[in-house]
PDB file of N, CA and C in Angstrom:
ATOM      1  N   MET A   1      32.995 -34.810 -41.948  1.00  0.00           N
ATOM      2  CA  MET A   1      32.702 -33.426 -41.745  1.00  0.00           C
ATOM      3  C   MET A   1      31.376 -33.310 -40.981  1.00  0.00           C
ATOM      4  N   THR A   2      31.313 -32.469 -39.973  1.00  0.00           N
ATOM      5  CA  THR A   2      30.109 -32.252 -39.180  1.00  0.00           C
ATOM      6  C   THR A   2      29.500 -30.896 -39.510  1.00  0.00           C
ATOM      7  N   VAL A   3      28.206 -30.920 -39.572  1.00  0.00           N
ATOM      8  CA  VAL A   3      27.477 -29.676 -39.841  1.00  0.00           C
ATOM      9  C   VAL A   3      26.762 -29.283 -38.549  1.00  0.00           C
ATOM     10  N   SER A   4      26.985 -28.062 -38.135  1.00  0.00           N
ATOM     11  CA  SER A   4      26.324 -27.600 -36.902  1.00  0.00           C
ATOM     12  C   SER A   4      25.175 -26.659 -37.269  1.00  0.00           C
ATOM     13  N   ALA A   5      24.191 -26.633 -36.403  1.00  0.00           N
ATOM     14  CA  ALA A   5      23.027 -25.760 -36.607  1.00  0.00           C
ATOM     15  C   ALA A   5      23.435 -24.319 -36.316  1.00  0.00           C
ATOM     16  N   PRO A   6      22.808 -23.356 -36.994  1.00  0.00           N
ATOM     17  CA  PRO A   6      23.157 -21.955 -36.723  1.00  0.00           C
ATOM     18  C   PRO A   6      22.757 -21.576 -35.298  1.00  0.00           C
ATOM     19  N   VAL A   7      23.556 -20.728 -34.712  1.00  0.00           N
ATOM     20  CA  VAL A   7      23.316 -20.279 -33.342  1.00  0.00           C
ATOM     21  C   VAL A   7      22.297 -19.146 -33.385  1.00  0.00           C
ATOM     22  N   ARG A   8      21.258 -19.275 -32.565  1.00  0.00           N
ATOM     23  CA  ARG A   8      20.225 -18.242 -32.495  1.00  0.00           C
ATOM     24  C   ARG A   8      20.516 -17.338 -31.308  1.00  0.00           C
ATOM     25  N   THR A   9      20.574 -16.073 -31.557  1.00  0.00           N
ATOM     26  CA  THR A   9      20.816 -15.118 -30.479  1.00  0.00           C
ATOM     27  C   THR A   9      19.505 -14.439 -30.130  1.00  0.00           C
ATOM     28  N   THR A  10      19.424 -13.934 -28.940  1.00  0.00           N
ATOM     29  CA  THR A  10      18.212 -13.239 -28.519  1.00  0.00           C
ATOM     30  C   THR A  10      18.490 -11.758 -28.416  1.00  0.00           C
ATOM     31  N   HIS A  11      17.459 -10.987 -28.702  1.00  0.00           N
ATOM     32  CA  HIS A  11      17.543  -9.536 -28.578  1.00  0.00           C
ATOM     33  C   HIS A  11      17.471  -9.209 -27.095  1.00  0.00           C
ATOM     34  N   PRO A  12      18.198  -8.198 -26.598  1.00  0.00           N
ATOM     35  CA  PRO A  12      18.209  -7.933 -25.162  1.00  0.00           C
ATOM     36  C   PRO A  12      16.858  -7.548 -24.566  1.00  0.00           C
ATOM     37  N   ASP A  13      15.938  -6.965 -25.370  1.00  0.00           N
ATOM     38  CA  ASP A  13      14.656  -6.531 -24.823  1.00  0.00           C
ATOM     39  C   ASP A  13      13.571  -7.591 -24.892  1.00  0.00           C
ATOM     40  N   THR A  14      13.766  -8.624 -25.664  1.00  0.00           N
ATOM     41  CA  THR A  14      12.725  -9.638 -25.817  1.00  0.00           C
ATOM     42  C   THR A  14      13.298 -11.014 -25.525  1.00  0.00           C
ATOM     43  N   THR A  15      12.410 -11.963 -25.339  1.00  0.00           N
ATOM     44  CA  THR A  15      12.858 -13.332 -25.104  1.00  0.00           C
ATOM     45  C   THR A  15      12.835 -14.142 -26.391  1.00  0.00           C
ATOM     46  N   ALA A  16      12.234 -13.601 -27.436  1.00  0.00           N
ATOM     47  CA  ALA A  16      12.184 -14.296 -28.714  1.00  0.00           C
ATOM     48  C   ALA A  16      13.509 -14.100 -29.447  1.00  0.00           C
ATOM     49  N   PRO A  17      13.886 -15.025 -30.319  1.00  0.00           N
ATOM     50  CA  PRO A  17      15.122 -14.871 -31.074  1.00  0.00           C
ATOM     51  C   PRO A  17      15.077 -13.638 -31.968  1.00  0.00           C
ATOM     52  N   ALA A  18      16.231 -13.011 -32.157  1.00  0.00           N
ATOM     53  CA  ALA A  18      16.296 -11.779 -32.926  1.00  0.00           C
ATOM     54  C   ALA A  18      16.019 -12.011 -34.403  1.00  0.00           C
ATOM     55  N   ASP A  19      16.370 -13.192 -34.924  1.00  0.00           N
ATOM     56  CA  ASP A  19      16.173 -13.434 -36.346  1.00  0.00           C
ATOM     57  C   ASP A  19      14.782 -13.992 -36.657  1.00  0.00           C
ATOM     58  N   SER A  20      13.962 -14.129 -35.664  1.00  0.00           N
ATOM     59  CA  SER A  20      12.622 -14.664 -35.861  1.00  0.00           C
ATOM     60  C   SER A  20      11.710 -13.584 -36.429  1.00  0.00           C
ATOM     61  N   ALA A  21      10.919 -13.931 -37.408  1.00  0.00           N
ATOM     62  CA  ALA A  21       9.992 -12.980 -38.026  1.00  0.00           C
ATOM     63  C   ALA A  21       8.778 -12.734 -37.143  1.00  0.00           C
ATOM     64  N   THR A  22       8.554 -13.601 -36.182  1.00  0.00           N
ATOM     65  CA  THR A  22       7.379 -13.464 -35.324  1.00  0.00           C
ATOM     66  C   THR A  22       7.721 -12.847 -33.977  1.00  0.00           C
ATOM     67  N   ALA A  23       8.878 -12.252 -33.840  1.00  0.00           N
ATOM     68  CA  ALA A  23       9.266 -11.657 -32.559  1.00  0.00           C
ATOM     69  C   ALA A  23       8.354 -10.481 -32.247  1.00  0.00           C
ATOM     70  N   ALA A  24       7.793 -10.472 -31.063  1.00  0.00           N
ATOM     71  CA  ALA A  24       6.891  -9.406 -30.660  1.00  0.00           C
ATOM     72  C   ALA A  24       7.715  -8.186 -30.252  1.00  0.00           C
ATOM     73  N   PRO A  25       7.248  -6.984 -30.635  1.00  0.00           N
ATOM     74  CA  PRO A  25       7.994  -5.790 -30.234  1.00  0.00           C
ATOM     75  C   PRO A  25       7.855  -5.555 -28.737  1.00  0.00           C
ATOM     76  N   ALA A  26       8.856  -4.933 -28.174  1.00  0.00           N
ATOM     77  CA  ALA A  26       8.824  -4.626 -26.744  1.00  0.00           C
ATOM     78  C   ALA A  26       7.760  -3.564 -26.500  1.00  0.00           C
ATOM     79  N   PRO A  27       7.014  -3.662 -25.409  1.00  0.00           N
ATOM     80  CA  PRO A  27       5.989  -2.653 -25.127  1.00  0.00           C
ATOM     81  C   PRO A  27       6.641  -1.286 -24.897  1.00  0.00           C
ATOM     82  N   SER A  28       5.935  -0.230 -25.321  1.00  0.00           N
ATOM     83  CA  SER A  28       6.483   1.108 -25.194  1.00  0.00           C
ATOM     84  C   SER A  28       6.471   1.591 -23.749  1.00  0.00           C
ATOM     85  N   LYS A  29       5.526   1.125 -22.952  1.00  0.00           N
ATOM     86  CA  LYS A  29       5.439   1.486 -21.548  1.00  0.00           C
ATOM     87  C   LYS A  29       5.407   0.213 -20.721  1.00  0.00           C
ATOM     88  N   PRO A  30       6.025   0.243 -19.572  1.00  0.00           N
ATOM     89  CA  PRO A  30       5.876  -0.931 -18.695  1.00  0.00           C
ATOM     90  C   PRO A  30       4.430  -1.067 -18.239  1.00  0.00           C
ATOM     91  N   ALA A  31       4.016  -2.274 -18.012  1.00  0.00           N
ATOM     92  CA  ALA A  31       2.624  -2.544 -17.642  1.00  0.00           C
ATOM     93  C   ALA A  31       2.248  -1.893 -16.319  1.00  0.00           C
ATOM     94  N   ALA A  32       3.212  -1.675 -15.442  1.00  0.00           N
ATOM     95  CA  ALA A  32       2.913  -1.085 -14.147  1.00  0.00           C
ATOM     96  C   ALA A  32       2.506   0.385 -14.271  1.00  0.00           C
ATOM     97  N   ARG A  33       2.925   1.074 -15.306  1.00  0.00           N
ATOM     98  CA  ARG A  33       2.611   2.489 -15.463  1.00  0.00           C
ATOM     99  C   ARG A  33       1.264   2.726 -16.122  1.00  0.00           C
ATOM    100  N   ARG A  34       0.750   1.769 -16.816  1.00  0.00           N
ATOM    101  CA  ARG A  34      -0.531   1.940 -17.500  1.00  0.00           C
ATOM    102  C   ARG A  34      -1.677   1.827 -16.529  1.00  0.00           C
ATOM    103  N   ARG A  35      -2.665   2.713 -16.686  1.00  0.00           N
ATOM    104  CA  ARG A  35      -3.875   2.614 -15.888  1.00  0.00           C
ATOM    105  C   ARG A  35      -4.969   2.018 -16.750  1.00  0.00           C
ATOM    106  N   PRO A  36      -5.804   1.210 -16.172  1.00  0.00           N
ATOM    107  CA  PRO A  36      -6.901   0.656 -16.959  1.00  0.00           C
ATOM    108  C   PRO A  36      -7.820   1.764 -17.457  1.00  0.00           C
ATOM    109  N   ARG A  37      -8.442   1.513 -18.587  1.00  0.00           N
ATOM    110  CA  ARG A  37      -9.316   2.506 -19.202  1.00  0.00           C
ATOM    111  C   ARG A  37     -10.541   2.787 -18.338  1.00  0.00           C
ATOM    112  N   ARG A  38     -10.961   1.814 -17.568  1.00  0.00           N
ATOM    113  CA  ARG A  38     -12.145   2.006 -16.733  1.00  0.00           C
ATOM    114  C   ARG A  38     -11.886   3.031 -15.635  1.00  0.00           C
ATOM    115  N   ASN A  39     -10.672   3.059 -15.074  1.00  0.00           N
ATOM    116  CA  ASN A  39     -10.358   4.072 -14.068  1.00  0.00           C
ATOM    117  C   ASN A  39     -10.447   5.462 -14.662  1.00  0.00           C
ATOM    118  N   ASP A  40     -10.011   5.626 -15.904  1.00  0.00           N
ATOM    119  CA  ASP A  40     -10.127   6.916 -16.568  1.00  0.00           C
ATOM    120  C   ASP A  40     -11.592   7.301 -16.731  1.00  0.00           C
ATOM    121  N   ALA A  41     -12.416   6.356 -17.100  1.00  0.00           N
ATOM    122  CA  ALA A  41     -13.842   6.629 -17.277  1.00  0.00           C
ATOM    123  C   ALA A  41     -14.493   6.974 -15.941  1.00  0.00           C
ATOM    124  N   ASP A  42     -14.096   6.298 -14.869  1.00  0.00           N
ATOM    125  CA  ASP A  42     -14.630   6.628 -13.545  1.00  0.00           C
ATOM    126  C   ASP A  42     -14.226   8.039 -13.139  1.00  0.00           C
ATOM    127  N   SER A  43     -12.987   8.407 -13.436  1.00  0.00           N
ATOM    128  CA  SER A  43     -12.523   9.760 -13.116  1.00  0.00           C
ATOM    129  C   SER A  43     -13.287  10.802 -13.927  1.00  0.00           C
ATOM    130  N   MET A  44     -13.573  10.484 -15.169  1.00  0.00           N
ATOM    131  CA  MET A  44     -14.351  11.403 -16.006  1.00  0.00           C
ATOM    132  C   MET A  44     -15.763  11.577 -15.463  1.00  0.00           C
ATOM    133  N   ALA A  45     -16.357  10.505 -14.964  1.00  0.00           N
ATOM    134  CA  ALA A  45     -17.709  10.593 -14.414  1.00  0.00           C
ATOM    135  C   ALA A  45     -17.729  11.495 -13.184  1.00  0.00           C
ATOM    136  N   VAL A  46     -16.759  11.340 -12.311  1.00  0.00           N
ATOM    137  CA  VAL A  46     -16.693  12.172 -11.107  1.00  0.00           C
ATOM    138  C   VAL A  46     -16.418  13.627 -11.489  1.00  0.00           C
ATOM    139  N   ALA A  47     -15.500  13.838 -12.430  1.00  0.00           N
ATOM    140  CA  ALA A  47     -15.188  15.204 -12.870  1.00  0.00           C
ATOM    141  C   ALA A  47     -16.410  15.858 -13.505  1.00  0.00           C
ATOM    142  N   SER A  48     -17.178  15.101 -14.255  1.00  0.00           N
ATOM    143  CA  SER A  48     -18.394  15.625 -14.866  1.00  0.00           C
ATOM    144  C   SER A  48     -19.380  16.082 -13.797  1.00  0.00           C
ATOM    145  N   PHE A  49     -19.553  15.268 -12.778  1.00  0.00           N
ATOM    146  CA  PHE A  49     -20.466  15.610 -11.677  1.00  0.00           C
ATOM    147  C   PHE A  49     -20.008  16.874 -10.959  1.00  0.00           C
ATOM    148  N   VAL A  50     -18.722  16.934 -10.631  1.00  0.00           N
ATOM    149  CA  VAL A  50     -18.193  18.084  -9.880  1.00  0.00           C
ATOM    150  C   VAL A  50     -18.275  19.359 -10.720  1.00  0.00           C
ATOM    151  N   LEU A  51     -17.885  19.276 -11.989  1.00  0.00           N
ATOM    152  CA  LEU A  51     -17.934  20.463 -12.841  1.00  0.00           C
ATOM    153  C   LEU A  51     -19.372  20.939 -13.049  1.00  0.00           C
ATOM    154  N   GLY A  52     -20.294  20.007 -13.188  1.00  0.00           N
ATOM    155  CA  GLY A  52     -21.697  20.390 -13.331  1.00  0.00           C
ATOM    156  C   GLY A  52     -22.238  21.050 -12.082  1.00  0.00           C
ATOM    157  N   LEU A  53     -21.837  20.548 -10.924  1.00  0.00           N
ATOM    158  CA  LEU A  53     -22.295  21.110  -9.659  1.00  0.00           C
ATOM    159  C   LEU A  53     -21.721  22.505  -9.435  1.00  0.00           C
ATOM    160  N   VAL A  54     -20.437  22.662  -9.660  1.00  0.00           N
ATOM    161  CA  VAL A  54     -19.796  23.971  -9.493  1.00  0.00           C
ATOM    162  C   VAL A  54     -20.310  24.949 -10.550  1.00  0.00           C
ATOM    163  N   GLY A  55     -20.602  24.435 -11.737  1.00  0.00           N
ATOM    164  CA  GLY A  55     -21.081  25.279 -12.815  1.00  0.00           C
ATOM    165  C   GLY A  55     -22.429  25.913 -12.545  1.00  0.00           C
ATOM    166  N   LEU A  56     -23.196  25.366 -11.621  1.00  0.00           N
ATOM    167  CA  LEU A  56     -24.462  26.003 -11.264  1.00  0.00           C
ATOM    168  C   LEU A  56     -24.237  27.351 -10.594  1.00  0.00           C
ATOM    169  N   LEU A  57     -23.085  27.516  -9.964  1.00  0.00           N
ATOM    170  CA  LEU A  57     -22.801  28.754  -9.233  1.00  0.00           C
ATOM    171  C   LEU A  57     -21.909  29.713 -10.011  1.00  0.00           C
ATOM    172  N   VAL A  58     -20.860  29.197 -10.645  1.00  0.00           N
ATOM    173  CA  VAL A  58     -19.899  30.066 -11.349  1.00  0.00           C
ATOM    174  C   VAL A  58     -19.517  29.438 -12.678  1.00  0.00           C
ATOM    175  N   PHE A  59     -19.164  30.268 -13.634  1.00  0.00           N
ATOM    176  CA  PHE A  59     -18.639  29.855 -14.937  1.00  0.00           C
ATOM    177  C   PHE A  59     -19.511  28.821 -15.643  1.00  0.00           C
ATOM    178  N   ASN A  60     -20.836  29.004 -15.570  1.00  0.00           N
ATOM    179  CA  ASN A  60     -21.711  28.002 -16.190  1.00  0.00           C
ATOM    180  C   ASN A  60     -21.560  27.953 -17.704  1.00  0.00           C
ATOM    181  N   LEU A  61     -21.066  29.012 -18.314  1.00  0.00           N
ATOM    182  CA  LEU A  61     -20.854  29.015 -19.753  1.00  0.00           C
ATOM    183  C   LEU A  61     -19.740  28.044 -20.155  1.00  0.00           C
ATOM    184  N   VAL A  62     -18.743  27.865 -19.288  1.00  0.00           N
ATOM    185  CA  VAL A  62     -17.606  26.978 -19.572  1.00  0.00           C
ATOM    186  C   VAL A  62     -17.791  25.601 -18.942  1.00  0.00           C
ATOM    187  N   LEU A  63     -18.184  25.576 -17.681  1.00  0.00           N
ATOM    188  CA  LEU A  63     -18.250  24.315 -16.946  1.00  0.00           C
ATOM    189  C   LEU A  63     -19.417  23.422 -17.373  1.00  0.00           C
ATOM    190  N   GLY A  64     -20.509  24.017 -17.833  1.00  0.00           N
ATOM    191  CA  GLY A  64     -21.650  23.220 -18.300  1.00  0.00           C
ATOM    192  C   GLY A  64     -21.303  22.331 -19.488  1.00  0.00           C
ATOM    193  N   PRO A  65     -20.749  22.914 -20.560  1.00  0.00           N
ATOM    194  CA  PRO A  65     -20.351  22.058 -21.692  1.00  0.00           C
ATOM    195  C   PRO A  65     -19.252  21.056 -21.334  1.00  0.00           C
ATOM    196  N   CYS A  66     -18.334  21.441 -20.453  1.00  0.00           N
ATOM    197  CA  CYS A  66     -17.289  20.495 -20.025  1.00  0.00           C
ATOM    198  C   CYS A  66     -17.912  19.297 -19.308  1.00  0.00           C
ATOM    199  N   ALA A  67     -18.900  19.563 -18.451  1.00  0.00           N
ATOM    200  CA  ALA A  67     -19.586  18.480 -17.740  1.00  0.00           C
ATOM    201  C   ALA A  67     -20.322  17.578 -18.720  1.00  0.00           C
ATOM    202  N   LEU A  68     -20.938  18.171 -19.747  1.00  0.00           N
ATOM    203  CA  LEU A  68     -21.636  17.369 -20.748  1.00  0.00           C
ATOM    204  C   LEU A  68     -20.675  16.460 -21.514  1.00  0.00           C
ATOM    205  N   VAL A  69     -19.547  17.003 -21.914  1.00  0.00           N
ATOM    206  CA  VAL A  69     -18.578  16.219 -22.684  1.00  0.00           C
ATOM    207  C   VAL A  69     -17.990  15.101 -21.835  1.00  0.00           C
ATOM    208  N   LEU A  70     -17.572  15.419 -20.615  1.00  0.00           N
ATOM    209  CA  LEU A  70     -16.972  14.386 -19.751  1.00  0.00           C
ATOM    210  C   LEU A  70     -17.975  13.305 -19.384  1.00  0.00           C
ATOM    211  N   GLY A  71     -19.219  13.686 -19.118  1.00  0.00           N
ATOM    212  CA  GLY A  71     -20.245  12.694 -18.813  1.00  0.00           C
ATOM    213  C   GLY A  71     -20.516  11.763 -19.986  1.00  0.00           C
ATOM    214  N   THR A  72     -20.556  12.335 -21.179  1.00  0.00           N
ATOM    215  CA  THR A  72     -20.773  11.524 -22.377  1.00  0.00           C
ATOM    216  C   THR A  72     -19.615  10.568 -22.615  1.00  0.00           C
ATOM    217  N   LEU A  73     -18.382  11.065 -22.469  1.00  0.00           N
ATOM    218  CA  LEU A  73     -17.215  10.203 -22.650  1.00  0.00           C
ATOM    219  C   LEU A  73     -17.170   9.085 -21.608  1.00  0.00           C
ATOM    220  N   ALA A  74     -17.523   9.406 -20.368  1.00  0.00           N
ATOM    221  CA  ALA A  74     -17.522   8.383 -19.317  1.00  0.00           C
ATOM    222  C   ALA A  74     -18.537   7.288 -19.621  1.00  0.00           C
ATOM    223  N   LEU A  75     -19.708   7.674 -20.090  1.00  0.00           N
ATOM    224  CA  LEU A  75     -20.714   6.669 -20.439  1.00  0.00           C
ATOM    225  C   LEU A  75     -20.296   5.862 -21.660  1.00  0.00           C
ATOM    226  N   ALA A  76     -19.654   6.515 -22.622  1.00  0.00           N
ATOM    227  CA  ALA A  76     -19.204   5.808 -23.820  1.00  0.00           C
ATOM    228  C   ALA A  76     -18.105   4.800 -23.491  1.00  0.00           C
ATOM    229  N   ARG A  77     -17.310   5.091 -22.484  1.00  0.00           N
ATOM    230  CA  ARG A  77     -16.226   4.182 -22.078  1.00  0.00           C
ATOM    231  C   ARG A  77     -16.678   3.213 -20.993  1.00  0.00           C
ATOM    232  N   SER A  78     -17.963   3.100 -20.793  1.00  0.00           N
ATOM    233  CA  SER A  78     -18.616   2.195 -19.838  1.00  0.00           C
ATOM    234  C   SER A  78     -18.011   2.276 -18.444  1.00  0.00           C
ATOM    235  N   THR A  79     -18.256   3.402 -17.824  1.00  0.00           N
ATOM    236  CA  THR A  79     -17.790   3.639 -16.471  1.00  0.00           C
ATOM    237  C   THR A  79     -18.567   2.798 -15.469  1.00  0.00           C
ATOM    238  N   GLY A  80     -17.960   2.549 -14.347  1.00  0.00           N
ATOM    239  CA  GLY A  80     -18.642   1.863 -13.260  1.00  0.00           C
ATOM    240  C   GLY A  80     -19.504   2.821 -12.453  1.00  0.00           C
ATOM    241  N   ARG A  81     -19.289   4.109 -12.652  1.00  0.00           N
ATOM    242  CA  ARG A  81     -20.039   5.138 -11.928  1.00  0.00           C
ATOM    243  C   ARG A  81     -21.038   5.805 -12.869  1.00  0.00           C
ATOM    244  N   ARG A  82     -21.926   5.013 -13.385  1.00  0.00           N
ATOM    245  CA  ARG A  82     -22.894   5.509 -14.358  1.00  0.00           C
ATOM    246  C   ARG A  82     -23.817   6.569 -13.760  1.00  0.00           C
ATOM    247  N   GLY A  83     -24.171   6.430 -12.496  1.00  0.00           N
ATOM    248  CA  GLY A  83     -25.044   7.413 -11.845  1.00  0.00           C
ATOM    249  C   GLY A  83     -24.408   8.791 -11.798  1.00  0.00           C
ATOM    250  N   ARG A  84     -23.125   8.824 -11.470  1.00  0.00           N
ATOM    251  CA  ARG A  84     -22.431  10.117 -11.429  1.00  0.00           C
ATOM    252  C   ARG A  84     -22.302  10.711 -12.824  1.00  0.00           C
ATOM    253  N   ALA A  85     -22.084   9.869 -13.807  1.00  0.00           N
ATOM    254  CA  ALA A  85     -21.993  10.370 -15.184  1.00  0.00           C
ATOM    255  C   ALA A  85     -23.329  10.953 -15.624  1.00  0.00           C
ATOM    256  N   TRP A  86     -24.428  10.275 -15.303  1.00  0.00           N
ATOM    257  CA  TRP A  86     -25.753  10.793 -15.657  1.00  0.00           C
ATOM    258  C   TRP A  86     -26.056  12.085 -14.901  1.00  0.00           C
ATOM    259  N   LEU A  87     -25.661  12.146 -13.618  1.00  0.00           N
ATOM    260  CA  LEU A  87     -25.856  13.387 -12.866  1.00  0.00           C
ATOM    261  C   LEU A  87     -25.014  14.512 -13.453  1.00  0.00           C
ATOM    262  N   GLY A  88     -23.810  14.196 -13.889  1.00  0.00           N
ATOM    263  CA  GLY A  88     -22.971  15.198 -14.533  1.00  0.00           C
ATOM    264  C   GLY A  88     -23.615  15.728 -15.806  1.00  0.00           C
ATOM    265  N   LEU A  89     -24.210  14.819 -16.592  1.00  0.00           N
ATOM    266  CA  LEU A  89     -24.929  15.256 -17.793  1.00  0.00           C
ATOM    267  C   LEU A  89     -26.115  16.155 -17.432  1.00  0.00           C
ATOM    268  N   ALA A  90     -26.864  15.757 -16.427  1.00  0.00           N
ATOM    269  CA  ALA A  90     -28.032  16.542 -16.021  1.00  0.00           C
ATOM    270  C   ALA A  90     -27.610  17.906 -15.476  1.00  0.00           C
ATOM    271  N   LEU A  91     -26.566  17.938 -14.668  1.00  0.00           N
ATOM    272  CA  LEU A  91     -26.097  19.210 -14.118  1.00  0.00           C
ATOM    273  C   LEU A  91     -25.483  20.091 -15.195  1.00  0.00           C
ATOM    274  N   GLY A  92     -24.804  19.490 -16.161  1.00  0.00           N
ATOM    275  CA  GLY A  92     -24.272  20.272 -17.281  1.00  0.00           C
ATOM    276  C   GLY A  92     -25.383  20.915 -18.087  1.00  0.00           C
ATOM    277  N   ALA A  93     -26.451  20.164 -18.321  1.00  0.00           N
ATOM    278  CA  ALA A  93     -27.606  20.729 -19.027  1.00  0.00           C
ATOM    279  C   ALA A  93     -28.270  21.811 -18.175  1.00  0.00           C
ATOM    280  N   ALA A  94     -28.356  21.591 -16.867  1.00  0.00           N
ATOM    281  CA  ALA A  94     -28.926  22.597 -15.969  1.00  0.00           C
ATOM    282  C   ALA A  94     -28.088  23.874 -15.977  1.00  0.00           C
ATOM    283  N   ASP A  95     -26.776  23.731 -16.079  1.00  0.00           N
ATOM    284  CA  ASP A  95     -25.910  24.908 -16.173  1.00  0.00           C
ATOM    285  C   ASP A  95     -26.283  25.766 -17.374  1.00  0.00           C
ATOM    286  N   LEU A  96     -26.499  25.122 -18.507  1.00  0.00           N
ATOM    287  CA  LEU A  96     -26.848  25.862 -19.711  1.00  0.00           C
ATOM    288  C   LEU A  96     -28.252  26.452 -19.632  1.00  0.00           C
ATOM    289  N   ILE A  97     -29.155  25.758 -18.944  1.00  0.00           N
ATOM    290  CA  ILE A  97     -30.510  26.293 -18.750  1.00  0.00           C
ATOM    291  C   ILE A  97     -30.464  27.514 -17.839  1.00  0.00           C
ATOM    292  N   VAL A  98     -29.662  27.454 -16.773  1.00  0.00           N
ATOM    293  CA  VAL A  98     -29.504  28.598 -15.875  1.00  0.00           C
ATOM    294  C   VAL A  98     -28.892  29.771 -16.633  1.00  0.00           C
ATOM    295  N   LEU A  99     -27.917  29.494 -17.475  1.00  0.00           N
ATOM    296  CA  LEU A  99     -27.306  30.554 -18.283  1.00  0.00           C
ATOM    297  C   LEU A  99     -28.349  31.205 -19.195  1.00  0.00           C
ATOM    298  N   ALA A 100     -29.161  30.384 -19.853  1.00  0.00           N
ATOM    299  CA  ALA A 100     -30.196  30.932 -20.732  1.00  0.00           C
ATOM    300  C   ALA A 100     -31.209  31.756 -19.944  1.00  0.00           C
ATOM    301  N   ALA A 101     -31.560  31.305 -18.750  1.00  0.00           N
ATOM    302  CA  ALA A 101     -32.509  32.046 -17.922  1.00  0.00           C
ATOM    303  C   ALA A 101     -31.917  33.378 -17.474  1.00  0.00           C
ATOM    304  N   LEU A 102     -30.646  33.398 -17.114  1.00  0.00           N
ATOM    305  CA  LEU A 102     -30.003  34.642 -16.692  1.00  0.00           C
ATOM    306  C   LEU A 102     -29.918  35.644 -17.840  1.00  0.00           C
ATOM    307  N   VAL A 103     -29.567  35.152 -19.011  1.00  0.00           N
ATOM    308  CA  VAL A 103     -29.461  36.043 -20.166  1.00  0.00           C
ATOM    309  C   VAL A 103     -30.836  36.587 -20.530  1.00  0.00           C
ATOM    310  N   THR A 104     -31.855  35.751 -20.444  1.00  0.00           N
ATOM    311  CA  THR A 104     -33.215  36.189 -20.774  1.00  0.00           C
ATOM    312  C   THR A 104     -33.762  37.167 -19.737  1.00  0.00           C
ATOM    313  N   ALA A 105     -33.495  36.915 -18.475  1.00  0.00           N
ATOM    314  CA  ALA A 105     -34.066  37.717 -17.404  1.00  0.00           C
ATOM    315  C   ALA A 105     -33.487  39.129 -17.352  1.00  0.00           C
ATOM    316  N   ASP A 106     -32.151  39.237 -17.333  1.00  0.00           N
ATOM    317  CA  ASP A 106     -31.575  40.568 -17.181  1.00  0.00           C
ATOM    318  C   ASP A 106     -30.409  40.876 -18.117  1.00  0.00           C
ATOM    319  N   GLY A 107     -30.209  40.062 -19.118  1.00  0.00           N
ATOM    320  CA  GLY A 107     -29.190  40.344 -20.116  1.00  0.00           C
ATOM    321  C   GLY A 107     -27.764  40.175 -19.646  1.00  0.00           C
ATOM    322  N   THR A 108     -27.552  39.458 -18.579  1.00  0.00           N
ATOM    323  CA  THR A 108     -26.201  39.235 -18.066  1.00  0.00           C
ATOM    324  C   THR A 108     -25.919  37.753 -18.018  1.00  0.00           C
ATOM    325  N   VAL A 109     -24.648  37.392 -17.917  1.00  0.00           N
ATOM    326  CA  VAL A 109     -24.273  35.981 -17.820  1.00  0.00           C
ATOM    327  C   VAL A 109     -23.744  35.644 -16.434  1.00  0.00           C
ATOM    328  N   SER A 110     -24.048  36.494 -15.441  1.00  0.00           N
ATOM    329  CA  SER A 110     -23.576  36.231 -14.086  1.00  0.00           C
ATOM    330  C   SER A 110     -24.699  36.470 -13.084  1.00  0.00           C
ATOM    331  N   TRP A 111     -24.535  35.874 -11.922  1.00  0.00           N
ATOM    332  CA  TRP A 111     -25.497  36.065 -10.842  1.00  0.00           C
ATOM    333  C   TRP A 111     -25.339  37.497 -10.309  1.00  0.00           C
ATOM    334  N   SER A 112     -26.436  38.075  -9.870  1.00  0.00           N
ATOM    335  CA  SER A 112     -26.346  39.373  -9.187  1.00  0.00           C
ATOM    336  C   SER A 112     -27.182  39.280  -7.920  1.00  0.00           C
ATOM    337  N   VAL A 113     -26.569  39.679  -6.814  1.00  0.00           N
ATOM    338  CA  VAL A 113     -27.232  39.591  -5.531  1.00  0.00           C
ATOM    339  C   VAL A 113     -27.540  41.009  -5.078  1.00  0.00           C
ATOM    340  N   GLY A 114     -28.786  41.278  -4.736  1.00  0.00           N
ATOM    341  CA  GLY A 114     -29.169  42.555  -4.148  1.00  0.00           C
ATOM    342  C   GLY A 114     -29.194  43.731  -5.107  1.00  0.00           C
ATOM    343  N   GLY A 115     -29.718  43.608  -6.252  1.00  0.00           N
ATOM    344  CA  GLY A 115     -30.071  44.642  -7.182  1.00  0.00           C
ATOM    345  C   GLY A 115     -29.126  45.667  -7.503  1.00  0.00           C
TER     346      GLY A 115
END
């Protein structure tokens, strides 16, 4: 009488055997669709800079805090564009300072040209 070894089958999504306890689960997203975290941080740094710059002219009540948050997140995620993130933080703070100056000067939250 001959004894044969059990046949191991493979799961269609993985190369490891289906009955193996160490089979790695299939990734939820293909690797080609994922963006590295550093690119996200670089985008946040640029967005922080742009929002802070635009916030000096319009919507400083909204854009200033957004610039502060994005700049902080970009620095926390170690962006390659640290200068832009720091400028975004500085411009976001300047937005809030301009807002405070406008409210103190004439009680409004918007620019007024020509009295």
